[in-house]
């Protein structure tokens, strides 16, 4: 490990896809094609540590947060809230559901 303390990006696996050690699944998986939020430190951290599958799960969770909290992503407050939730989802203690959230019952 060099002076910077961060590991270099993983090399492509045999399928030609870039892989990462996914923080959500704890195993080597296909990584994102590009960093979300280009130029933002959290975006780069996600690019280096989050698989496509974990990112897909976050997008679904984010949709629920946006709907439950009725977020207007045009406001800085909503953007900051989602960034904090994303940090917690991937690198903190995990996602928490809104206090009054009740999941929809699936149709049988």
PDB file of N, CA and C in Angstrom:
ATOM      1  N   UNK A   1       0.847  -1.168   0.000  1.00  0.00           N
ATOM      2  CA  UNK A   1       0.000   0.000   0.000  1.00  0.00           C
ATOM      3  C   UNK A   1       0.891   1.228   0.000  1.00  0.00           C
ATOM      4  N   UNK A   2       0.547   2.221  -0.793  1.00  0.00           N
ATOM      5  CA  UNK A   2       1.361   3.420  -0.905  1.00  0.00           C
ATOM      6  C   UNK A   2       1.055   4.435   0.177  1.00  0.00           C
ATOM      7  N   UNK A   3       1.642   5.574   0.045  1.00  0.00           N
ATOM      8  CA  UNK A   3       1.506   6.635   1.030  1.00  0.00           C
ATOM      9  C   UNK A   3       0.086   7.172   1.121  1.00  0.00           C
ATOM     10  N   UNK A   4      -0.667   7.104   0.038  1.00  0.00           N
ATOM     11  CA  UNK A   4      -2.011   7.673   0.008  1.00  0.00           C
ATOM     12  C   UNK A   4      -3.008   6.957   0.886  1.00  0.00           C
ATOM     13  N   UNK A   5      -2.766   5.702   1.202  1.00  0.00           N
ATOM     14  CA  UNK A   5      -3.659   4.945   2.059  1.00  0.00           C
ATOM     15  C   UNK A   5      -4.846   4.333   1.352  1.00  0.00           C
ATOM     16  N   UNK A   6      -5.085   4.656   0.094  1.00  0.00           N
ATOM     17  CA  UNK A   6      -6.201   4.036  -0.611  1.00  0.00           C
ATOM     18  C   UNK A   6      -5.659   3.044  -1.626  1.00  0.00           C
ATOM     19  N   UNK A   7      -6.442   1.997  -1.831  1.00  0.00           N
ATOM     20  CA  UNK A   7      -6.020   0.952  -2.754  1.00  0.00           C
ATOM     21  C   UNK A   7      -6.335   1.384  -4.180  1.00  0.00           C
ATOM     22  N   UNK A   8      -5.544   0.966  -5.147  1.00  0.00           N
ATOM     23  CA  UNK A   8      -5.850   1.290  -6.543  1.00  0.00           C
ATOM     24  C   UNK A   8      -7.121   0.565  -6.970  1.00  0.00           C
ATOM     25  N   UNK A   9      -7.808   1.081  -7.980  1.00  0.00           N
ATOM     26  CA  UNK A   9      -9.018   0.399  -8.453  1.00  0.00           C
ATOM     27  C   UNK A   9      -8.696  -1.034  -8.879  1.00  0.00           C
ATOM     28  N   UNK A  10      -9.655  -1.905  -8.694  1.00  0.00           N
ATOM     29  CA  UNK A  10      -9.490  -3.302  -9.065  1.00  0.00           C
ATOM     30  C   UNK A  10      -9.341  -3.433 -10.575  1.00  0.00           C
ATOM     31  N   UNK A  11      -8.611  -4.425 -10.995  1.00  0.00           N
ATOM     32  CA  UNK A  11      -8.440  -4.683 -12.427  1.00  0.00           C
ATOM     33  C   UNK A  11      -9.673  -5.411 -12.948  1.00  0.00           C
ATOM     34  N   UNK A  12      -9.814  -5.444 -14.230  1.00  0.00           N
ATOM     35  CA  UNK A  12     -10.947  -6.140 -14.831  1.00  0.00           C
ATOM     36  C   UNK A  12     -10.811  -7.642 -14.600  1.00  0.00           C
ATOM     37  N   UNK A  13     -11.928  -8.290 -14.355  1.00  0.00           N
ATOM     38  CA  UNK A  13     -11.895  -9.738 -14.205  1.00  0.00           C
ATOM     39  C   UNK A  13     -11.937 -10.383 -15.593  1.00  0.00           C
ATOM     40  N   UNK A  14     -12.094 -11.681 -15.650  1.00  0.00           N
ATOM     41  CA  UNK A  14     -12.034 -12.410 -16.913  1.00  0.00           C
ATOM     42  C   UNK A  14     -13.153 -12.042 -17.882  1.00  0.00           C
ATOM     43  N   UNK A  15     -14.247 -11.465 -17.381  1.00  0.00           N
ATOM     44  CA  UNK A  15     -15.360 -11.106 -18.262  1.00  0.00           C
ATOM     45  C   UNK A  15     -15.151  -9.746 -18.903  1.00  0.00           C
ATOM     46  N   UNK A  16     -14.097  -9.044 -18.513  1.00  0.00           N
ATOM     47  CA  UNK A  16     -13.857  -7.720 -19.057  1.00  0.00           C
ATOM     48  C   UNK A  16     -14.546  -6.623 -18.277  1.00  0.00           C
ATOM     49  N   UNK A  17     -15.221  -6.981 -17.193  1.00  0.00           N
ATOM     50  CA  UNK A  17     -15.917  -6.006 -16.362  1.00  0.00           C
ATOM     51  C   UNK A  17     -15.027  -5.623 -15.182  1.00  0.00           C
ATOM     52  N   UNK A  18     -15.096  -4.349 -14.804  1.00  0.00           N
ATOM     53  CA  UNK A  18     -14.354  -3.882 -13.636  1.00  0.00           C
ATOM     54  C   UNK A  18     -15.020  -4.439 -12.383  1.00  0.00           C
ATOM     55  N   UNK A  19     -14.227  -4.941 -11.456  1.00  0.00           N
ATOM     56  CA  UNK A  19     -14.792  -5.486 -10.228  1.00  0.00           C
ATOM     57  C   UNK A  19     -14.328  -4.682  -9.019  1.00  0.00           C
ATOM     58  N   UNK A  20     -15.125  -4.766  -7.965  1.00  0.00           N
ATOM     59  CA  UNK A  20     -14.816  -4.117  -6.693  1.00  0.00           C
ATOM     60  C   UNK A  20     -15.122  -5.109  -5.570  1.00  0.00           C
ATOM     61  N   UNK A  21     -14.506  -4.884  -4.414  1.00  0.00           N
ATOM     62  CA  UNK A  21     -14.898  -5.614  -3.219  1.00  0.00           C
ATOM     63  C   UNK A  21     -16.080  -4.830  -2.647  1.00  0.00           C
ATOM     64  N   UNK A  22     -17.280  -5.336  -2.864  1.00  0.00           N
ATOM     65  CA  UNK A  22     -18.499  -4.614  -2.525  1.00  0.00           C
ATOM     66  C   UNK A  22     -18.692  -4.521  -1.006  1.00  0.00           C
ATOM     67  N   UNK A  23     -18.892  -3.295  -0.513  1.00  0.00           N
ATOM     68  CA  UNK A  23     -19.088  -3.084   0.911  1.00  0.00           C
ATOM     69  C   UNK A  23     -20.419  -3.645   1.404  1.00  0.00           C
ATOM     70  N   UNK A  24     -21.409  -3.767   0.546  1.00  0.00           N
ATOM     71  CA  UNK A  24     -22.709  -4.289   0.962  1.00  0.00           C
ATOM     72  C   UNK A  24     -22.734  -5.811   1.005  1.00  0.00           C
ATOM     73  N   UNK A  25     -22.076  -6.446   0.049  1.00  0.00           N
ATOM     74  CA  UNK A  25     -22.127  -7.903  -0.052  1.00  0.00           C
ATOM     75  C   UNK A  25     -20.875  -8.583   0.497  1.00  0.00           C
ATOM     76  N   UNK A  26     -19.802  -7.820   0.686  1.00  0.00           N
ATOM     77  CA  UNK A  26     -18.576  -8.386   1.238  1.00  0.00           C
ATOM     78  C   UNK A  26     -17.873  -9.356   0.310  1.00  0.00           C
ATOM     79  N   UNK A  27     -18.067  -9.180  -0.986  1.00  0.00           N
ATOM     80  CA  UNK A  27     -17.394 -10.058  -1.943  1.00  0.00           C
ATOM     81  C   UNK A  27     -17.101  -9.292  -3.224  1.00  0.00           C
ATOM     82  N   UNK A  28     -16.234  -9.854  -4.045  1.00  0.00           N
ATOM     83  CA  UNK A  28     -15.854  -9.264  -5.323  1.00  0.00           C
ATOM     84  C   UNK A  28     -17.042  -9.360  -6.281  1.00  0.00           C
ATOM     85  N   UNK A  29     -17.419  -8.197  -6.826  1.00  0.00           N
ATOM     86  CA  UNK A  29     -18.569  -8.142  -7.729  1.00  0.00           C
ATOM     87  C   UNK A  29     -18.299  -7.119  -8.819  1.00  0.00           C
ATOM     88  N   UNK A  30     -19.120  -7.143  -9.864  1.00  0.00           N
ATOM     89  CA  UNK A  30     -18.993  -6.171 -10.957  1.00  0.00           C
ATOM     90  C   UNK A  30     -19.286  -4.778 -10.404  1.00  0.00           C
ATOM     91  N   UNK A  31     -18.394  -3.836 -10.717  1.00  0.00           N
ATOM     92  CA  UNK A  31     -18.534  -2.469 -10.231  1.00  0.00           C
ATOM     93  C   UNK A  31     -19.292  -1.584 -11.208  1.00  0.00           C
ATOM     94  N   UNK A  32     -19.519  -0.366 -10.776  1.00  0.00           N
ATOM     95  CA  UNK A  32     -20.204   0.626 -11.606  1.00  0.00           C
ATOM     96  C   UNK A  32     -19.342   0.997 -12.810  1.00  0.00           C
ATOM     97  N   UNK A  33     -19.974   1.425 -13.880  1.00  0.00           N
ATOM     98  CA  UNK A  33     -19.255   1.827 -15.082  1.00  0.00           C
ATOM     99  C   UNK A  33     -18.597   3.193 -14.923  1.00  0.00           C
ATOM    100  N   UNK A  34     -19.194   4.039 -14.100  1.00  0.00           N
ATOM    101  CA  UNK A  34     -18.631   5.365 -13.859  1.00  0.00           C
ATOM    102  C   UNK A  34     -19.038   5.836 -12.472  1.00  0.00           C
ATOM    103  N   UNK A  35     -18.299   6.796 -11.955  1.00  0.00           N
ATOM    104  CA  UNK A  35     -18.578   7.314 -10.618  1.00  0.00           C
ATOM    105  C   UNK A  35     -19.843   8.170 -10.642  1.00  0.00           C
ATOM    106  N   UNK A  36     -20.749   7.944  -9.677  1.00  0.00           N
ATOM    107  CA  UNK A  36     -21.889   8.849  -9.565  1.00  0.00           C
ATOM    108  C   UNK A  36     -21.400  10.192  -9.016  1.00  0.00           C
ATOM    109  N   UNK A  37     -22.076  11.279  -9.313  1.00  0.00           N
ATOM    110  CA  UNK A  37     -21.713  12.609  -8.823  1.00  0.00           C
ATOM    111  C   UNK A  37     -20.256  12.915  -9.126  1.00  0.00           C
ATOM    112  N   UNK A  38     -19.912  12.940 -10.382  1.00  0.00           N
ATOM    113  CA  UNK A  38     -18.538  13.192 -10.819  1.00  0.00           C
ATOM    114  C   UNK A  38     -17.939  14.378 -10.065  1.00  0.00           C
ATOM    115  N   UNK A  39     -16.794  14.156  -9.473  1.00  0.00           N
ATOM    116  CA  UNK A  39     -16.096  15.210  -8.748  1.00  0.00           C
ATOM    117  C   UNK A  39     -16.424  15.274  -7.266  1.00  0.00           C
ATOM    118  N   UNK A  40     -17.422  14.538  -6.802  1.00  0.00           N
ATOM    119  CA  UNK A  40     -17.781  14.529  -5.382  1.00  0.00           C
ATOM    120  C   UNK A  40     -17.057  13.370  -4.704  1.00  0.00           C
ATOM    121  N   UNK A  41     -16.451  13.599  -3.541  1.00  0.00           N
ATOM    122  CA  UNK A  41     -15.707  12.518  -2.860  1.00  0.00           C
ATOM    123  C   UNK A  41     -16.548  11.268  -2.586  1.00  0.00           C
ATOM    124  N   UNK A  42     -17.813  11.431  -2.230  1.00  0.00           N
ATOM    125  CA  UNK A  42     -18.668  10.267  -1.974  1.00  0.00           C
ATOM    126  C   UNK A  42     -18.880   9.466  -3.255  1.00  0.00           C
ATOM    127  N   UNK A  43     -19.022  10.151  -4.386  1.00  0.00           N
ATOM    128  CA  UNK A  43     -19.182   9.461  -5.664  1.00  0.00           C
ATOM    129  C   UNK A  43     -17.977   8.593  -5.983  1.00  0.00           C
ATOM    130  N   UNK A  44     -16.781   9.104  -5.745  1.00  0.00           N
ATOM    131  CA  UNK A  44     -15.569   8.332  -5.999  1.00  0.00           C
ATOM    132  C   UNK A  44     -15.482   7.145  -5.049  1.00  0.00           C
ATOM    133  N   UNK A  45     -15.850   7.353  -3.789  1.00  0.00           N
ATOM    134  CA  UNK A  45     -15.819   6.264  -2.794  1.00  0.00           C
ATOM    135  C   UNK A  45     -16.793   5.151  -3.186  1.00  0.00           C
ATOM    136  N   UNK A  46     -17.956   5.541  -3.671  1.00  0.00           N
ATOM    137  CA  UNK A  46     -18.942   4.563  -4.117  1.00  0.00           C
ATOM    138  C   UNK A  46     -18.408   3.809  -5.333  1.00  0.00           C
ATOM    139  N   UNK A  47     -17.828   4.519  -6.274  1.00  0.00           N
ATOM    140  CA  UNK A  47     -17.264   3.892  -7.476  1.00  0.00           C
ATOM    141  C   UNK A  47     -16.234   2.827  -7.109  1.00  0.00           C
ATOM    142  N   UNK A  48     -15.438   3.089  -6.098  1.00  0.00           N
ATOM    143  CA  UNK A  48     -14.359   2.179  -5.709  1.00  0.00           C
ATOM    144  C   UNK A  48     -14.821   1.027  -4.832  1.00  0.00           C
ATOM    145  N   UNK A  49     -16.015   1.123  -4.201  1.00  0.00           N
ATOM    146  CA  UNK A  49     -16.397   0.148  -3.181  1.00  0.00           C
ATOM    147  C   UNK A  49     -17.799  -0.445  -3.298  1.00  0.00           C
ATOM    148  N   UNK A  50     -18.554  -0.048  -4.310  1.00  0.00           N
ATOM    149  CA  UNK A  50     -19.956  -0.482  -4.396  1.00  0.00           C
ATOM    150  C   UNK A  50     -20.193  -1.183  -5.735  1.00  0.00           C
ATOM    151  N   UNK A  51     -20.841  -2.333  -5.670  1.00  0.00           N
ATOM    152  CA  UNK A  51     -21.152  -3.090  -6.885  1.00  0.00           C
ATOM    153  C   UNK A  51     -22.386  -2.520  -7.576  1.00  0.00           C
ATOM    154  N   UNK A  52     -22.557  -2.919  -8.835  1.00  0.00           N
ATOM    155  CA  UNK A  52     -23.757  -2.515  -9.582  1.00  0.00           C
ATOM    156  C   UNK A  52     -25.018  -2.991  -8.870  1.00  0.00           C
ATOM    157  N   UNK A  53     -24.984  -4.203  -8.345  1.00  0.00           N
ATOM    158  CA  UNK A  53     -26.150  -4.760  -7.665  1.00  0.00           C
ATOM    159  C   UNK A  53     -26.485  -3.956  -6.409  1.00  0.00           C
ATOM    160  N   UNK A  54     -25.480  -3.603  -5.617  1.00  0.00           N
ATOM    161  CA  UNK A  54     -25.720  -2.801  -4.416  1.00  0.00           C
ATOM    162  C   UNK A  54     -26.230  -1.409  -4.797  1.00  0.00           C
ATOM    163  N   UNK A  55     -25.706  -0.845  -5.886  1.00  0.00           N
ATOM    164  CA  UNK A  55     -26.176   0.463  -6.343  1.00  0.00           C
ATOM    165  C   UNK A  55     -27.640   0.374  -6.768  1.00  0.00           C
ATOM    166  N   UNK A  56     -28.014  -0.713  -7.446  1.00  0.00           N
ATOM    167  CA  UNK A  56     -29.411  -0.904  -7.850  1.00  0.00           C
ATOM    168  C   UNK A  56     -30.319  -0.940  -6.606  1.00  0.00           C
ATOM    169  N   UNK A  57     -29.862  -1.615  -5.559  1.00  0.00           N
ATOM    170  CA  UNK A  57     -30.636  -1.679  -4.315  1.00  0.00           C
ATOM    171  C   UNK A  57     -30.787  -0.280  -3.702  1.00  0.00           C
ATOM    172  N   UNK A  58     -29.688   0.511  -3.745  1.00  0.00           N
ATOM    173  CA  UNK A  58     -29.762   1.873  -3.222  1.00  0.00           C
ATOM    174  C   UNK A  58     -30.776   2.706  -3.997  1.00  0.00           C
ATOM    175  N   UNK A  59     -30.792   2.589  -5.318  1.00  0.00           N
ATOM    176  CA  UNK A  59     -31.717   3.378  -6.134  1.00  0.00           C
ATOM    177  C   UNK A  59     -33.158   3.085  -5.716  1.00  0.00           C
ATOM    178  N   UNK A  60     -33.480   1.825  -5.462  1.00  0.00           N
ATOM    179  CA  UNK A  60     -34.829   1.477  -5.009  1.00  0.00           C
ATOM    180  C   UNK A  60     -35.108   2.083  -3.637  1.00  0.00           C
ATOM    181  N   UNK A  61     -34.134   2.022  -2.739  1.00  0.00           N
ATOM    182  CA  UNK A  61     -34.284   2.602  -1.399  1.00  0.00           C
ATOM    183  C   UNK A  61     -34.452   4.123  -1.509  1.00  0.00           C
ATOM    184  N   UNK A  62     -33.670   4.740  -2.385  1.00  0.00           N
ATOM    185  CA  UNK A  62     -33.733   6.181  -2.579  1.00  0.00           C
ATOM    186  C   UNK A  62     -35.118   6.605  -3.082  1.00  0.00           C
ATOM    187  N   UNK A  63     -35.697   5.832  -3.997  1.00  0.00           N
ATOM    188  CA  UNK A  63     -37.046   6.142  -4.493  1.00  0.00           C
ATOM    189  C   UNK A  63     -38.046   6.158  -3.347  1.00  0.00           C
ATOM    190  N   UNK A  64     -37.922   5.175  -2.460  1.00  0.00           N
ATOM    191  CA  UNK A  64     -38.818   5.100  -1.316  1.00  0.00           C
ATOM    192  C   UNK A  64     -38.629   6.336  -0.429  1.00  0.00           C
ATOM    193  N   UNK A  65     -37.359   6.723  -0.164  1.00  0.00           N
ATOM    194  CA  UNK A  65     -37.101   7.909   0.654  1.00  0.00           C
ATOM    195  C   UNK A  65     -37.695   9.160   0.015  1.00  0.00           C
ATOM    196  N   UNK A  66     -37.497   9.298  -1.290  1.00  0.00           N
ATOM    197  CA  UNK A  66     -38.007  10.475  -1.996  1.00  0.00           C
ATOM    198  C   UNK A  66     -39.525  10.547  -1.889  1.00  0.00           C
ATOM    199  N   UNK A  67     -40.185   9.413  -2.012  1.00  0.00           N
ATOM    200  CA  UNK A  67     -41.651   9.392  -1.932  1.00  0.00           C
ATOM    201  C   UNK A  67     -42.144   9.612  -0.497  1.00  0.00           C
ATOM    202  N   UNK A  68     -41.564   8.907   0.455  1.00  0.00           N
ATOM    203  CA  UNK A  68     -42.010   9.000   1.848  1.00  0.00           C
ATOM    204  C   UNK A  68     -41.791  10.385   2.427  1.00  0.00           C
ATOM    205  N   UNK A  69     -40.650  10.986   2.113  1.00  0.00           N
ATOM    206  CA  UNK A  69     -40.340  12.315   2.638  1.00  0.00           C
ATOM    207  C   UNK A  69     -40.767  13.435   1.685  1.00  0.00           C
ATOM    208  N   UNK A  70     -41.324  13.052   0.529  1.00  0.00           N
ATOM    209  CA  UNK A  70     -41.766  14.016  -0.471  1.00  0.00           C
ATOM    210  C   UNK A  70     -40.666  15.040  -0.772  1.00  0.00           C
ATOM    211  N   UNK A  71     -39.497  14.498  -1.105  1.00  0.00           N
ATOM    212  CA  UNK A  71     -38.318  15.327  -1.325  1.00  0.00           C
ATOM    213  C   UNK A  71     -38.387  16.054  -2.661  1.00  0.00           C
ATOM    214  N   UNK A  72     -37.966  17.292  -2.665  1.00  0.00           N
ATOM    215  CA  UNK A  72     -37.821  18.089  -3.872  1.00  0.00           C
ATOM    216  C   UNK A  72     -36.320  18.167  -4.140  1.00  0.00           C
ATOM    217  N   UNK A  73     -35.845  17.405  -5.110  1.00  0.00           N
ATOM    218  CA  UNK A  73     -34.403  17.340  -5.350  1.00  0.00           C
ATOM    219  C   UNK A  73     -33.830  18.628  -5.924  1.00  0.00           C
ATOM    220  N   UNK A  74     -34.677  19.606  -6.150  1.00  0.00           N
ATOM    221  CA  UNK A  74     -34.203  20.908  -6.579  1.00  0.00           C
ATOM    222  C   UNK A  74     -33.681  21.741  -5.412  1.00  0.00           C
ATOM    223  N   UNK A  75     -33.902  21.257  -4.194  1.00  0.00           N
ATOM    224  CA  UNK A  75     -33.426  21.996  -3.021  1.00  0.00           C
ATOM    225  C   UNK A  75     -32.139  21.382  -2.487  1.00  0.00           C
ATOM    226  N   UNK A  76     -31.287  22.233  -1.959  1.00  0.00           N
ATOM    227  CA  UNK A  76     -30.030  21.773  -1.378  1.00  0.00           C
ATOM    228  C   UNK A  76     -30.296  20.880  -0.165  1.00  0.00           C
ATOM    229  N   UNK A  77     -31.327  21.186   0.602  1.00  0.00           N
ATOM    230  CA  UNK A  77     -31.646  20.401   1.796  1.00  0.00           C
ATOM    231  C   UNK A  77     -31.961  18.949   1.429  1.00  0.00           C
ATOM    232  N   UNK A  78     -32.757  18.758   0.374  1.00  0.00           N
ATOM    233  CA  UNK A  78     -33.106  17.402  -0.065  1.00  0.00           C
ATOM    234  C   UNK A  78     -31.875  16.677  -0.591  1.00  0.00           C
ATOM    235  N   UNK A  79     -31.042  17.374  -1.344  1.00  0.00           N
ATOM    236  CA  UNK A  79     -29.820  16.767  -1.875  1.00  0.00           C
ATOM    237  C   UNK A  79     -28.886  16.365  -0.741  1.00  0.00           C
ATOM    238  N   UNK A  80     -28.715  17.246   0.246  1.00  0.00           N
ATOM    239  CA  UNK A  80     -27.851  16.939   1.387  1.00  0.00           C
ATOM    240  C   UNK A  80     -28.395  15.760   2.184  1.00  0.00           C
ATOM    241  N   UNK A  81     -29.723  15.721   2.342  1.00  0.00           N
ATOM    242  CA  UNK A  81     -30.358  14.616   3.052  1.00  0.00           C
ATOM    243  C   UNK A  81     -30.065  13.290   2.355  1.00  0.00           C
ATOM    244  N   UNK A  82     -30.241  13.254   1.036  1.00  0.00           N
ATOM    245  CA  UNK A  82     -29.998  12.008   0.302  1.00  0.00           C
ATOM    246  C   UNK A  82     -28.525  11.605   0.340  1.00  0.00           C
ATOM    247  N   UNK A  83     -27.620  12.573   0.241  1.00  0.00           N
ATOM    248  CA  UNK A  83     -26.189  12.249   0.346  1.00  0.00           C
ATOM    249  C   UNK A  83     -25.867  11.643   1.702  1.00  0.00           C
ATOM    250  N   UNK A  84     -26.437  12.204   2.760  1.00  0.00           N
ATOM    251  CA  UNK A  84     -26.209  11.659   4.110  1.00  0.00           C
ATOM    252  C   UNK A  84     -26.789  10.251   4.226  1.00  0.00           C
ATOM    253  N   UNK A  85     -27.980  10.045   3.663  1.00  0.00           N
ATOM    254  CA  UNK A  85     -28.599   8.719   3.697  1.00  0.00           C
ATOM    255  C   UNK A  85     -27.768   7.709   2.904  1.00  0.00           C
ATOM    256  N   UNK A  86     -27.223   8.147   1.773  1.00  0.00           N
ATOM    257  CA  UNK A  86     -26.404   7.278   0.930  1.00  0.00           C
ATOM    258  C   UNK A  86     -25.126   6.865   1.665  1.00  0.00           C
ATOM    259  N   UNK A  87     -24.494   7.830   2.307  1.00  0.00           N
ATOM    260  CA  UNK A  87     -23.280   7.552   3.093  1.00  0.00           C
ATOM    261  C   UNK A  87     -23.589   6.512   4.169  1.00  0.00           C
ATOM    262  N   UNK A  88     -24.704   6.697   4.852  1.00  0.00           N
ATOM    263  CA  UNK A  88     -25.105   5.763   5.903  1.00  0.00           C
ATOM    264  C   UNK A  88     -25.433   4.386   5.322  1.00  0.00           C
ATOM    265  N   UNK A  89     -26.102   4.361   4.192  1.00  0.00           N
ATOM    266  CA  UNK A  89     -26.513   3.114   3.547  1.00  0.00           C
ATOM    267  C   UNK A  89     -25.309   2.248   3.188  1.00  0.00           C
ATOM    268  N   UNK A  90     -24.291   2.877   2.618  1.00  0.00           N
ATOM    269  CA  UNK A  90     -23.138   2.113   2.161  1.00  0.00           C
ATOM    270  C   UNK A  90     -22.019   1.999   3.190  1.00  0.00           C
ATOM    271  N   UNK A  91     -21.765   3.044   3.949  1.00  0.00           N
ATOM    272  CA  UNK A  91     -20.568   3.070   4.776  1.00  0.00           C
ATOM    273  C   UNK A  91     -20.844   3.255   6.262  1.00  0.00           C
ATOM    274  N   UNK A  92     -22.106   3.395   6.639  1.00  0.00           N
ATOM    275  CA  UNK A  92     -22.469   3.573   8.041  1.00  0.00           C
ATOM    276  C   UNK A  92     -23.137   2.325   8.586  1.00  0.00           C
ATOM    277  N   UNK A  93     -24.102   2.543   9.429  1.00  0.00           N
ATOM    278  CA  UNK A  93     -24.799   1.429  10.074  1.00  0.00           C
ATOM    279  C   UNK A  93     -25.932   0.875   9.228  1.00  0.00           C
ATOM    280  N   UNK A  94     -26.097   1.400   8.048  1.00  0.00           N
ATOM    281  CA  UNK A  94     -27.133   0.884   7.158  1.00  0.00           C
ATOM    282  C   UNK A  94     -28.302   1.838   7.061  1.00  0.00           C
ATOM    283  N   UNK A  95     -29.258   1.455   6.271  1.00  0.00           N
ATOM    284  CA  UNK A  95     -30.404   2.307   5.984  1.00  0.00           C
ATOM    285  C   UNK A  95     -31.454   2.167   7.069  1.00  0.00           C
ATOM    286  N   UNK A  96     -32.046   3.288   7.409  1.00  0.00           N
ATOM    287  CA  UNK A  96     -33.181   3.270   8.314  1.00  0.00           C
ATOM    288  C   UNK A  96     -34.408   3.695   7.535  1.00  0.00           C
ATOM    289  N   UNK A  97     -35.510   3.062   7.830  1.00  0.00           N
ATOM    290  CA  UNK A  97     -36.759   3.407   7.150  1.00  0.00           C
ATOM    291  C   UNK A  97     -37.386   4.615   7.838  1.00  0.00           C
ATOM    292  N   UNK A  98     -38.146   5.402   7.103  1.00  0.00           N
ATOM    293  CA  UNK A  98     -38.854   6.522   7.725  1.00  0.00           C
ATOM    294  C   UNK A  98     -39.733   6.020   8.864  1.00  0.00           C
ATOM    295  N   UNK A  99     -39.941   6.839   9.907  1.00  0.00           N
ATOM    296  CA  UNK A  99     -40.671   6.383  11.097  1.00  0.00           C
ATOM    297  C   UNK A  99     -42.055   5.809  10.824  1.00  0.00           C
ATOM    298  N   UNK A 100     -42.816   6.388   9.903  1.00  0.00           N
ATOM    299  CA  UNK A 100     -44.184   5.924   9.645  1.00  0.00           C
ATOM    300  C   UNK A 100     -44.288   5.021   8.427  1.00  0.00           C
ATOM    301  N   UNK A 101     -43.158   4.521   7.925  1.00  0.00           N
ATOM    302  CA  UNK A 101     -43.168   3.729   6.699  1.00  0.00           C
ATOM    303  C   UNK A 101     -43.782   2.362   6.936  1.00  0.00           C
ATOM    304  N   UNK A 102     -44.715   1.989   6.051  1.00  0.00           N
ATOM    305  CA  UNK A 102     -45.249   0.623   6.028  1.00  0.00           C
ATOM    306  C   UNK A 102     -45.159   0.138   4.594  1.00  0.00           C
ATOM    307  N   UNK A 103     -44.428  -0.960   4.367  1.00  0.00           N
ATOM    308  CA  UNK A 103     -44.265  -1.461   2.997  1.00  0.00           C
ATOM    309  C   UNK A 103     -45.599  -1.894   2.406  1.00  0.00           C
ATOM    310  N   UNK A 104     -45.718  -1.737   1.097  1.00  0.00           N
ATOM    311  CA  UNK A 104     -46.922  -2.188   0.397  1.00  0.00           C
ATOM    312  C   UNK A 104     -46.987  -3.705   0.450  1.00  0.00           C
ATOM    313  N   UNK A 105     -48.190  -4.210   0.617  1.00  0.00           N
ATOM    314  CA  UNK A 105     -48.367  -5.667   0.595  1.00  0.00           C
ATOM    315  C   UNK A 105     -48.376  -6.129  -0.848  1.00  0.00           C
ATOM    316  N   UNK A 106     -47.669  -7.222  -1.108  1.00  0.00           N
ATOM    317  CA  UNK A 106     -47.623  -7.737  -2.470  1.00  0.00           C
ATOM    318  C   UNK A 106     -48.931  -8.422  -2.807  1.00  0.00           C
ATOM    319  N   UNK A 107     -49.308  -8.327  -4.071  1.00  0.00           N
ATOM    320  CA  UNK A 107     -50.544  -8.957  -4.535  1.00  0.00           C
ATOM    321  C   UNK A 107     -50.285 -10.442  -4.724  1.00  0.00           C
ATOM    322  N   UNK A 108     -51.210 -11.256  -4.241  1.00  0.00           N
ATOM    323  CA  UNK A 108     -51.048 -12.708  -4.375  1.00  0.00           C
ATOM    324  C   UNK A 108     -51.888 -13.245  -5.490  1.00  0.00           C
TER     325      UNK A 108
END
